Amino acid sequence: MQPAGLQAFNMRKEENSGIYSFENETKKLPAEMENLFKKKKAAWDFFMKQAPSYRRTITHWVLSAKREETRKSRLEKLIAASEKKERIY
């Protein structure tokens, strides 16, 4: 790293670190949700063939909902899109 980059890195604020989805450890769908998804074999196979970055982002999208109803709704949308071999953007 160049001196200017090191200086910028050292001036960062710790409270701004670890707040973005890509900085957090990879989360998996809870077993209950994963089992629902796996029941739709074609959808599950399509999802698992996607890039790890897509799977990580979409899993975060599903799990980041505050309400359980919203998490279930997002999972249903993901399964429906995957059955049609479509990605969610």
PDB file of N, CA and C in Angstrom:
ATOM      1  N   MET A   1       0.845  -1.172   0.000  1.00  0.00           N
ATOM      2  CA  MET A   1       0.000   0.000   0.000  1.00  0.00           C
ATOM      3  C   MET A   1       0.897   1.243   0.000  1.00  0.00           C
ATOM      4  N   GLN A   2       0.435   2.256  -0.663  1.00  0.00           N
ATOM      5  CA  GLN A   2       1.163   3.519  -0.722  1.00  0.00           C
ATOM      6  C   GLN A   2       0.919   4.315   0.574  1.00  0.00           C
ATOM      7  N   PRO A   3       1.805   5.237   0.893  1.00  0.00           N
ATOM      8  CA  PRO A   3       1.634   6.022   2.129  1.00  0.00           C
ATOM      9  C   PRO A   3       0.270   6.712   2.231  1.00  0.00           C
ATOM     10  N   ALA A   4      -0.240   7.236   1.128  1.00  0.00           N
ATOM     11  CA  ALA A   4      -1.540   7.913   1.170  1.00  0.00           C
ATOM     12  C   ALA A   4      -2.652   6.920   1.523  1.00  0.00           C
ATOM     13  N   GLY A   5      -2.564   5.707   0.989  1.00  0.00           N
ATOM     14  CA  GLY A   5      -3.550   4.687   1.301  1.00  0.00           C
ATOM     15  C   GLY A   5      -3.478   4.252   2.750  1.00  0.00           C
ATOM     16  N   LEU A   6      -2.267   4.094   3.269  1.00  0.00           N
ATOM     17  CA  LEU A   6      -2.087   3.740   4.680  1.00  0.00           C
ATOM     18  C   LEU A   6      -2.641   4.821   5.593  1.00  0.00           C
ATOM     19  N   GLN A   7      -2.396   6.075   5.205  1.00  0.00           N
ATOM     20  CA  GLN A   7      -2.904   7.191   6.011  1.00  0.00           C
ATOM     21  C   GLN A   7      -4.437   7.181   6.024  1.00  0.00           C
ATOM     22  N   ALA A   8      -5.048   6.972   4.867  1.00  0.00           N
ATOM     23  CA  ALA A   8      -6.511   6.928   4.796  1.00  0.00           C
ATOM     24  C   ALA A   8      -7.052   5.760   5.620  1.00  0.00           C
ATOM     25  N   PHE A   9      -6.383   4.601   5.536  1.00  0.00           N
ATOM     26  CA  PHE A   9      -6.815   3.434   6.307  1.00  0.00           C
ATOM     27  C   PHE A   9      -6.732   3.703   7.800  1.00  0.00           C
ATOM     28  N   ASN A  10      -5.667   4.336   8.235  1.00  0.00           N
ATOM     29  CA  ASN A  10      -5.480   4.623   9.662  1.00  0.00           C
ATOM     30  C   ASN A  10      -6.449   5.685  10.172  1.00  0.00           C
ATOM     31  N   MET A  11      -7.017   6.495   9.277  1.00  0.00           N
ATOM     32  CA  MET A  11      -7.953   7.549   9.690  1.00  0.00           C
ATOM     33  C   MET A  11      -9.401   7.049   9.704  1.00  0.00           C
ATOM     34  N   ARG A  12      -9.631   5.786   9.328  1.00  0.00           N
ATOM     35  CA  ARG A  12     -11.002   5.266   9.259  1.00  0.00           C
ATOM     36  C   ARG A  12     -11.640   5.260  10.655  1.00  0.00           C
ATOM     37  N   LYS A  13     -12.951   5.278  10.667  1.00  0.00           N
ATOM     38  CA  LYS A  13     -13.699   5.239  11.916  1.00  0.00           C
ATOM     39  C   LYS A  13     -14.167   3.808  12.143  1.00  0.00           C
ATOM     40  N   GLU A  14     -13.845   3.233  13.267  1.00  0.00           N
ATOM     41  CA  GLU A  14     -14.215   1.846  13.567  1.00  0.00           C
ATOM     42  C   GLU A  14     -15.724   1.639  13.604  1.00  0.00           C
ATOM     43  N   GLU A  15     -16.480   2.662  14.001  1.00  0.00           N
ATOM     44  CA  GLU A  15     -17.931   2.488  14.064  1.00  0.00           C
ATOM     45  C   GLU A  15     -18.550   2.335  12.677  1.00  0.00           C
ATOM     46  N   ASN A  16     -17.797   2.673  11.633  1.00  0.00           N
ATOM     47  CA  ASN A  16     -18.282   2.494  10.266  1.00  0.00           C
ATOM     48  C   ASN A  16     -17.838   1.168   9.660  1.00  0.00           C
ATOM     49  N   SER A  17     -17.192   0.335  10.440  1.00  0.00           N
ATOM     50  CA  SER A  17     -16.722  -0.962   9.952  1.00  0.00           C
ATOM     51  C   SER A  17     -17.681  -2.059  10.380  1.00  0.00           C
ATOM     52  N   GLY A  18     -17.834  -3.043   9.522  1.00  0.00           N
ATOM     53  CA  GLY A  18     -18.662  -4.200   9.857  1.00  0.00           C
ATOM     54  C   GLY A  18     -20.154  -3.969   9.771  1.00  0.00           C
ATOM     55  N   ILE A  19     -20.572  -2.891   9.095  1.00  0.00           N
ATOM     56  CA  ILE A  19     -22.001  -2.592   9.025  1.00  0.00           C
ATOM     57  C   ILE A  19     -22.626  -2.987   7.696  1.00  0.00           C
ATOM     58  N   TYR A  20     -21.799  -3.349   6.726  1.00  0.00           N
ATOM     59  CA  TYR A  20     -22.308  -3.699   5.404  1.00  0.00           C
ATOM     60  C   TYR A  20     -22.402  -5.207   5.266  1.00  0.00           C
ATOM     61  N   SER A  21     -23.332  -5.663   4.433  1.00  0.00           N
ATOM     62  CA  SER A  21     -23.569  -7.100   4.312  1.00  0.00           C
ATOM     63  C   SER A  21     -22.330  -7.852   3.853  1.00  0.00           C
ATOM     64  N   PHE A  22     -21.513  -7.242   2.982  1.00  0.00           N
ATOM     65  CA  PHE A  22     -20.345  -7.951   2.493  1.00  0.00           C
ATOM     66  C   PHE A  22     -19.245  -8.065   3.542  1.00  0.00           C
ATOM     67  N   GLU A  23     -19.334  -7.295   4.614  1.00  0.00           N
ATOM     68  CA  GLU A  23     -18.329  -7.359   5.674  1.00  0.00           C
ATOM     69  C   GLU A  23     -18.671  -8.405   6.736  1.00  0.00           C
ATOM     70  N   ASN A  24     -19.910  -8.802   6.780  1.00  0.00           N
ATOM     71  CA  ASN A  24     -20.340  -9.748   7.794  1.00  0.00           C
ATOM     72  C   ASN A  24     -20.070 -11.175   7.347  1.00  0.00           C
ATOM     73  N   GLU A  25     -19.943 -12.057   8.316  1.00  0.00           N
ATOM     74  CA  GLU A  25     -19.712 -13.450   7.965  1.00  0.00           C
ATOM     75  C   GLU A  25     -20.902 -13.982   7.174  1.00  0.00           C
ATOM     76  N   THR A  26     -20.616 -14.907   6.324  1.00  0.00           N
ATOM     77  CA  THR A  26     -21.651 -15.475   5.482  1.00  0.00           C
ATOM     78  C   THR A  26     -22.686 -16.198   6.334  1.00  0.00           C
ATOM     79  N   LYS A  27     -23.922 -15.843   6.126  1.00  0.00           N
ATOM     80  CA  LYS A  27     -25.010 -16.485   6.853  1.00  0.00           C
ATOM     81  C   LYS A  27     -25.639 -17.524   5.958  1.00  0.00           C
ATOM     82  N   LYS A  28     -26.154 -18.541   6.584  1.00  0.00           N
ATOM     83  CA  LYS A  28     -26.887 -19.571   5.861  1.00  0.00           C
ATOM     84  C   LYS A  28     -28.355 -19.434   6.206  1.00  0.00           C
ATOM     85  N   LEU A  29     -29.169 -19.936   5.300  1.00  0.00           N
ATOM     86  CA  LEU A  29     -30.594 -19.984   5.609  1.00  0.00           C
ATOM     87  C   LEU A  29     -30.800 -20.930   6.780  1.00  0.00           C
ATOM     88  N   PRO A  30     -31.708 -20.620   7.683  1.00  0.00           N
ATOM     89  CA  PRO A  30     -32.029 -21.561   8.755  1.00  0.00           C
ATOM     90  C   PRO A  30     -32.493 -22.885   8.143  1.00  0.00           C
ATOM     91  N   ALA A  31     -32.281 -23.973   8.857  1.00  0.00           N
ATOM     92  CA  ALA A  31     -32.603 -25.310   8.353  1.00  0.00           C
ATOM     93  C   ALA A  31     -34.043 -25.399   7.853  1.00  0.00           C
ATOM     94  N   GLU A  32     -34.958 -24.788   8.574  1.00  0.00           N
ATOM     95  CA  GLU A  32     -36.375 -24.825   8.185  1.00  0.00           C
ATOM     96  C   GLU A  32     -36.581 -24.199   6.799  1.00  0.00           C
ATOM     97  N   MET A  33     -35.967 -23.038   6.558  1.00  0.00           N
ATOM     98  CA  MET A  33     -36.095 -22.360   5.271  1.00  0.00           C
ATOM     99  C   MET A  33     -35.377 -23.146   4.176  1.00  0.00           C
ATOM    100  N   GLU A  34     -34.199 -23.637   4.502  1.00  0.00           N
ATOM    101  CA  GLU A  34     -33.426 -24.402   3.520  1.00  0.00           C
ATOM    102  C   GLU A  34     -34.186 -25.658   3.092  1.00  0.00           C
ATOM    103  N   ASN A  35     -34.828 -26.321   4.028  1.00  0.00           N
ATOM    104  CA  ASN A  35     -35.599 -27.526   3.708  1.00  0.00           C
ATOM    105  C   ASN A  35     -36.785 -27.199   2.793  1.00  0.00           C
ATOM    106  N   LEU A  36     -37.461 -26.066   3.045  1.00  0.00           N
ATOM    107  CA  LEU A  36     -38.544 -25.640   2.157  1.00  0.00           C
ATOM    108  C   LEU A  36     -38.026 -25.409   0.745  1.00  0.00           C
ATOM    109  N   PHE A  37     -36.866 -24.765   0.662  1.00  0.00           N
ATOM    110  CA  PHE A  37     -36.253 -24.466  -0.626  1.00  0.00           C
ATOM    111  C   PHE A  37     -35.862 -25.768  -1.338  1.00  0.00           C
ATOM    112  N   LYS A  38     -35.278 -26.696  -0.611  1.00  0.00           N
ATOM    113  CA  LYS A  38     -34.809 -27.957  -1.206  1.00  0.00           C
ATOM    114  C   LYS A  38     -35.954 -28.827  -1.719  1.00  0.00           C
ATOM    115  N   LYS A  39     -37.163 -28.611  -1.206  1.00  0.00           N
ATOM    116  CA  LYS A  39     -38.322 -29.375  -1.692  1.00  0.00           C
ATOM    117  C   LYS A  39     -38.596 -29.052  -3.159  1.00  0.00           C
ATOM    118  N   LYS A  40     -38.216 -27.881  -3.584  1.00  0.00           N
ATOM    119  CA  LYS A  40     -38.342 -27.468  -4.986  1.00  0.00           C
ATOM    120  C   LYS A  40     -36.976 -27.697  -5.631  1.00  0.00           C
ATOM    121  N   LYS A  41     -36.721 -28.932  -6.020  1.00  0.00           N
ATOM    122  CA  LYS A  41     -35.397 -29.352  -6.465  1.00  0.00           C
ATOM    123  C   LYS A  41     -34.834 -28.486  -7.592  1.00  0.00           C
ATOM    124  N   ALA A  42     -35.640 -28.189  -8.589  1.00  0.00           N
ATOM    125  CA  ALA A  42     -35.161 -27.389  -9.720  1.00  0.00           C
ATOM    126  C   ALA A  42     -34.737 -25.994  -9.253  1.00  0.00           C
ATOM    127  N   ALA A  43     -35.542 -25.417  -8.365  1.00  0.00           N
ATOM    128  CA  ALA A  43     -35.222 -24.087  -7.844  1.00  0.00           C
ATOM    129  C   ALA A  43     -33.933 -24.129  -7.024  1.00  0.00           C
ATOM    130  N   TRP A  44     -33.809 -25.132  -6.163  1.00  0.00           N
ATOM    131  CA  TRP A  44     -32.617 -25.265  -5.324  1.00  0.00           C
ATOM    132  C   TRP A  44     -31.374 -25.470  -6.192  1.00  0.00           C
ATOM    133  N   ASP A  45     -31.474 -26.333  -7.203  1.00  0.00           N
ATOM    134  CA  ASP A  45     -30.336 -26.588  -8.090  1.00  0.00           C
ATOM    135  C   ASP A  45     -29.904 -25.314  -8.808  1.00  0.00           C
ATOM    136  N   PHE A  46     -30.882 -24.547  -9.306  1.00  0.00           N
ATOM    137  CA  PHE A  46     -30.564 -23.283  -9.971  1.00  0.00           C
ATOM    138  C   PHE A  46     -29.858 -22.332  -9.012  1.00  0.00           C
ATOM    139  N   PHE A  47     -30.396 -22.201  -7.811  1.00  0.00           N
ATOM    140  CA  PHE A  47     -29.819 -21.288  -6.812  1.00  0.00           C
ATOM    141  C   PHE A  47     -28.380 -21.689  -6.477  1.00  0.00           C
ATOM    142  N   MET A  48     -28.146 -22.967  -6.309  1.00  0.00           N
ATOM    143  CA  MET A  48     -26.813 -23.435  -5.930  1.00  0.00           C
ATOM    144  C   MET A  48     -25.798 -23.301  -7.065  1.00  0.00           C
ATOM    145  N   LYS A  49     -26.267 -23.164  -8.303  1.00  0.00           N
ATOM    146  CA  LYS A  49     -25.366 -22.969  -9.439  1.00  0.00           C
ATOM    147  C   LYS A  49     -24.966 -21.508  -9.615  1.00  0.00           C
ATOM    148  N   GLN A  50     -25.597 -20.629  -8.854  1.00  0.00           N
ATOM    149  CA  GLN A  50     -25.286 -19.206  -8.965  1.00  0.00           C
ATOM    150  C   GLN A  50     -23.969 -18.898  -8.252  1.00  0.00           C
ATOM    151  N   ALA A  51     -23.395 -17.774  -8.586  1.00  0.00           N
ATOM    152  CA  ALA A  51     -22.131 -17.348  -7.987  1.00  0.00           C
ATOM    153  C   ALA A  51     -22.294 -17.181  -6.470  1.00  0.00           C
ATOM    154  N   PRO A  52     -21.246 -17.491  -5.717  1.00  0.00           N
ATOM    155  CA  PRO A  52     -21.321 -17.322  -4.259  1.00  0.00           C
ATOM    156  C   PRO A  52     -21.715 -15.906  -3.845  1.00  0.00           C
ATOM    157  N   SER A  53     -21.279 -14.903  -4.599  1.00  0.00           N
ATOM    158  CA  SER A  53     -21.627 -13.518  -4.251  1.00  0.00           C
ATOM    159  C   SER A  53     -23.132 -13.288  -4.367  1.00  0.00           C
ATOM    160  N   TYR A  54     -23.761 -13.876  -5.396  1.00  0.00           N
ATOM    161  CA  TYR A  54     -25.210 -13.744  -5.551  1.00  0.00           C
ATOM    162  C   TYR A  54     -25.923 -14.453  -4.401  1.00  0.00           C
ATOM    163  N   ARG A  55     -25.501 -15.700  -4.116  1.00  0.00           N
ATOM    164  CA  ARG A  55     -26.150 -16.457  -3.038  1.00  0.00           C
ATOM    165  C   ARG A  55     -26.010 -15.721  -1.701  1.00  0.00           C
ATOM    166  N   ARG A  56     -24.850 -15.160  -1.445  1.00  0.00           N
ATOM    167  CA  ARG A  56     -24.614 -14.434  -0.191  1.00  0.00           C
ATOM    168  C   ARG A  56     -25.509 -13.199  -0.115  1.00  0.00           C
ATOM    169  N   THR A  57     -25.579 -12.443  -1.214  1.00  0.00           N
ATOM    170  CA  THR A  57     -26.387 -11.222  -1.233  1.00  0.00           C
ATOM    171  C   THR A  57     -27.866 -11.530  -1.050  1.00  0.00           C
ATOM    172  N   ILE A  58     -28.367 -12.531  -1.755  1.00  0.00           N
ATOM    173  CA  ILE A  58     -29.782 -12.864  -1.676  1.00  0.00           C
ATOM    174  C   ILE A  58     -30.132 -13.473  -0.321  1.00  0.00           C
ATOM    175  N   THR A  59     -29.234 -14.285   0.221  1.00  0.00           N
ATOM    176  CA  THR A  59     -29.474 -14.837   1.561  1.00  0.00           C
ATOM    177  C   THR A  59     -29.558 -13.709   2.576  1.00  0.00           C
ATOM    178  N   HIS A  60     -28.680 -12.728   2.448  1.00  0.00           N
ATOM    179  CA  HIS A  60     -28.731 -11.560   3.343  1.00  0.00           C
ATOM    180  C   HIS A  60     -30.053 -10.815   3.169  1.00  0.00           C
ATOM    181  N   TRP A  61     -30.497 -10.678   1.928  1.00  0.00           N
ATOM    182  CA  TRP A  61     -31.756  -9.984   1.656  1.00  0.00           C
ATOM    183  C   TRP A  61     -32.915 -10.694   2.344  1.00  0.00           C
ATOM    184  N   VAL A  62     -32.944 -12.008   2.255  1.00  0.00           N
ATOM    185  CA  VAL A  62     -34.024 -12.781   2.884  1.00  0.00           C
ATOM    186  C   VAL A  62     -33.965 -12.635   4.403  1.00  0.00           C
ATOM    187  N   LEU A  63     -32.791 -12.812   4.975  1.00  0.00           N
ATOM    188  CA  LEU A  63     -32.655 -12.843   6.429  1.00  0.00           C
ATOM    189  C   LEU A  63     -32.648 -11.469   7.091  1.00  0.00           C
ATOM    190  N   SER A  64     -32.432 -10.412   6.311  1.00  0.00           N
ATOM    191  CA  SER A  64     -32.328  -9.078   6.908  1.00  0.00           C
ATOM    192  C   SER A  64     -33.689  -8.459   7.224  1.00  0.00           C
ATOM    193  N   ALA A  65     -34.759  -9.066   6.750  1.00  0.00           N
ATOM    194  CA  ALA A  65     -36.089  -8.536   7.049  1.00  0.00           C
ATOM    195  C   ALA A  65     -36.350  -8.610   8.552  1.00  0.00           C
ATOM    196  N   LYS A  66     -36.974  -7.594   9.078  1.00  0.00           N
ATOM    197  CA  LYS A  66     -37.220  -7.535  10.521  1.00  0.00           C
ATOM    198  C   LYS A  66     -38.369  -8.446  10.949  1.00  0.00           C
ATOM    199  N   ARG A  67     -39.381  -8.555  10.101  1.00  0.00           N
ATOM    200  CA  ARG A  67     -40.551  -9.351  10.457  1.00  0.00           C
ATOM    201  C   ARG A  67     -40.464 -10.740   9.838  1.00  0.00           C
ATOM    202  N   GLU A  68     -40.921 -11.727  10.567  1.00  0.00           N
ATOM    203  CA  GLU A  68     -40.915 -13.111  10.082  1.00  0.00           C
ATOM    204  C   GLU A  68     -41.743 -13.248   8.807  1.00  0.00           C
ATOM    205  N   GLU A  69     -42.869 -12.534   8.731  1.00  0.00           N
ATOM    206  CA  GLU A  69     -43.715 -12.606   7.544  1.00  0.00           C
ATOM    207  C   GLU A  69     -42.960 -12.128   6.309  1.00  0.00           C
ATOM    208  N   THR A  70     -42.158 -11.086   6.487  1.00  0.00           N
ATOM    209  CA  THR A  70     -41.387 -10.546   5.366  1.00  0.00           C
ATOM    210  C   THR A  70     -40.295 -11.518   4.950  1.00  0.00           C
ATOM    211  N   ARG A  71     -39.638 -12.149   5.903  1.00  0.00           N
ATOM    212  CA  ARG A  71     -38.616 -13.154   5.567  1.00  0.00           C
ATOM    213  C   ARG A  71     -39.245 -14.299   4.766  1.00  0.00           C
ATOM    214  N   LYS A  72     -40.416 -14.760   5.195  1.00  0.00           N
ATOM    215  CA  LYS A  72     -41.097 -15.846   4.475  1.00  0.00           C
ATOM    216  C   LYS A  72     -41.495 -15.401   3.072  1.00  0.00           C
ATOM    217  N   SER A  73     -41.995 -14.184   2.961  1.00  0.00           N
ATOM    218  CA  SER A  73     -42.393 -13.649   1.657  1.00  0.00           C
ATOM    219  C   SER A  73     -41.193 -13.554   0.720  1.00  0.00           C
ATOM    220  N   ARG A  74     -40.076 -13.080   1.231  1.00  0.00           N
ATOM    221  CA  ARG A  74     -38.868 -12.969   0.411  1.00  0.00           C
ATOM    222  C   ARG A  74     -38.370 -14.347  -0.019  1.00  0.00           C
ATOM    223  N   LEU A  75     -38.442 -15.319   0.877  1.00  0.00           N
ATOM    224  CA  LEU A  75     -38.032 -16.671   0.522  1.00  0.00           C
ATOM    225  C   LEU A  75     -38.936 -17.221  -0.583  1.00  0.00           C
ATOM    226  N   GLU A  76     -40.228 -16.985  -0.463  1.00  0.00           N
ATOM    227  CA  GLU A  76     -41.156 -17.442  -1.494  1.00  0.00           C
ATOM    228  C   GLU A  76     -40.840 -16.801  -2.842  1.00  0.00           C
ATOM    229  N   LYS A  77     -40.510 -15.506  -2.843  1.00  0.00           N
ATOM    230  CA  LYS A  77     -40.142 -14.816  -4.082  1.00  0.00           C
ATOM    231  C   LYS A  77     -38.866 -15.404  -4.664  1.00  0.00           C
ATOM    232  N   LEU A  78     -37.915 -15.709  -3.811  1.00  0.00           N
ATOM    233  CA  LEU A  78     -36.661 -16.306  -4.258  1.00  0.00           C
ATOM    234  C   LEU A  78     -36.900 -17.675  -4.878  1.00  0.00           C
ATOM    235  N   ILE A  79     -37.698 -18.486  -4.233  1.00  0.00           N
ATOM    236  CA  ILE A  79     -37.998 -19.827  -4.751  1.00  0.00           C
ATOM    237  C   ILE A  79     -38.730 -19.724  -6.090  1.00  0.00           C
ATOM    238  N   ALA A  80     -39.709 -18.838  -6.170  1.00  0.00           N
ATOM    239  CA  ALA A  80     -40.473 -18.680  -7.419  1.00  0.00           C
ATOM    240  C   ALA A  80     -39.562 -18.227  -8.561  1.00  0.00           C
ATOM    241  N   ALA A  81     -38.697 -17.277  -8.294  1.00  0.00           N
ATOM    242  CA  ALA A  81     -37.777 -16.792  -9.325  1.00  0.00           C
ATOM    243  C   ALA A  81     -36.809 -17.895  -9.732  1.00  0.00           C
ATOM    244  N   SER A  82     -36.299 -18.642  -8.763  1.00  0.00           N
ATOM    245  CA  SER A  82     -35.357 -19.709  -9.052  1.00  0.00           C
ATOM    246  C   SER A  82     -36.014 -20.825  -9.856  1.00  0.00           C
ATOM    247  N   GLU A  83     -37.283 -21.089  -9.602  1.00  0.00           N
ATOM    248  CA  GLU A  83     -37.999 -22.103 -10.383  1.00  0.00           C
ATOM    249  C   GLU A  83     -38.069 -21.697 -11.852  1.00  0.00           C
ATOM    250  N   LYS A  84     -38.163 -20.395 -12.109  1.00  0.00           N
ATOM    251  CA  LYS A  84     -38.206 -19.888 -13.474  1.00  0.00           C
ATOM    252  C   LYS A  84     -36.807 -19.647 -14.038  1.00  0.00           C
ATOM    253  N   LYS A  85     -35.792 -20.026 -13.248  1.00  0.00           N
ATOM    254  CA  LYS A  85     -34.390 -19.832 -13.613  1.00  0.00           C
ATOM    255  C   LYS A  85     -34.089 -18.350 -13.835  1.00  0.00           C
ATOM    256  N   GLU A  86     -34.616 -17.539 -12.920  1.00  0.00           N
ATOM    257  CA  GLU A  86     -34.400 -16.097 -12.956  1.00  0.00           C
ATOM    258  C   GLU A  86     -33.696 -15.672 -11.678  1.00  0.00           C
ATOM    259  N   ARG A  87     -32.897 -14.655 -11.793  1.00  0.00           N
ATOM    260  CA  ARG A  87     -32.243 -14.087 -10.615  1.00  0.00           C
ATOM    261  C   ARG A  87     -33.019 -12.883 -10.133  1.00  0.00           C
ATOM    262  N   ILE A  88     -32.936 -12.611  -8.857  1.00  0.00           N
ATOM    263  CA  ILE A  88     -33.562 -11.421  -8.272  1.00  0.00           C
ATOM    264  C   ILE A  88     -32.500 -10.323  -8.233  1.00  0.00           C
ATOM    265  N   TYR A  89     -32.880  -9.144  -8.687  1.00  0.00           N
ATOM    266  CA  TYR A  89     -31.929  -8.019  -8.674  1.00  0.00           C
ATOM    267  C   TYR A  89     -32.424  -6.930  -7.787  1.00  0.00           C
TER     268      TYR A  89
END
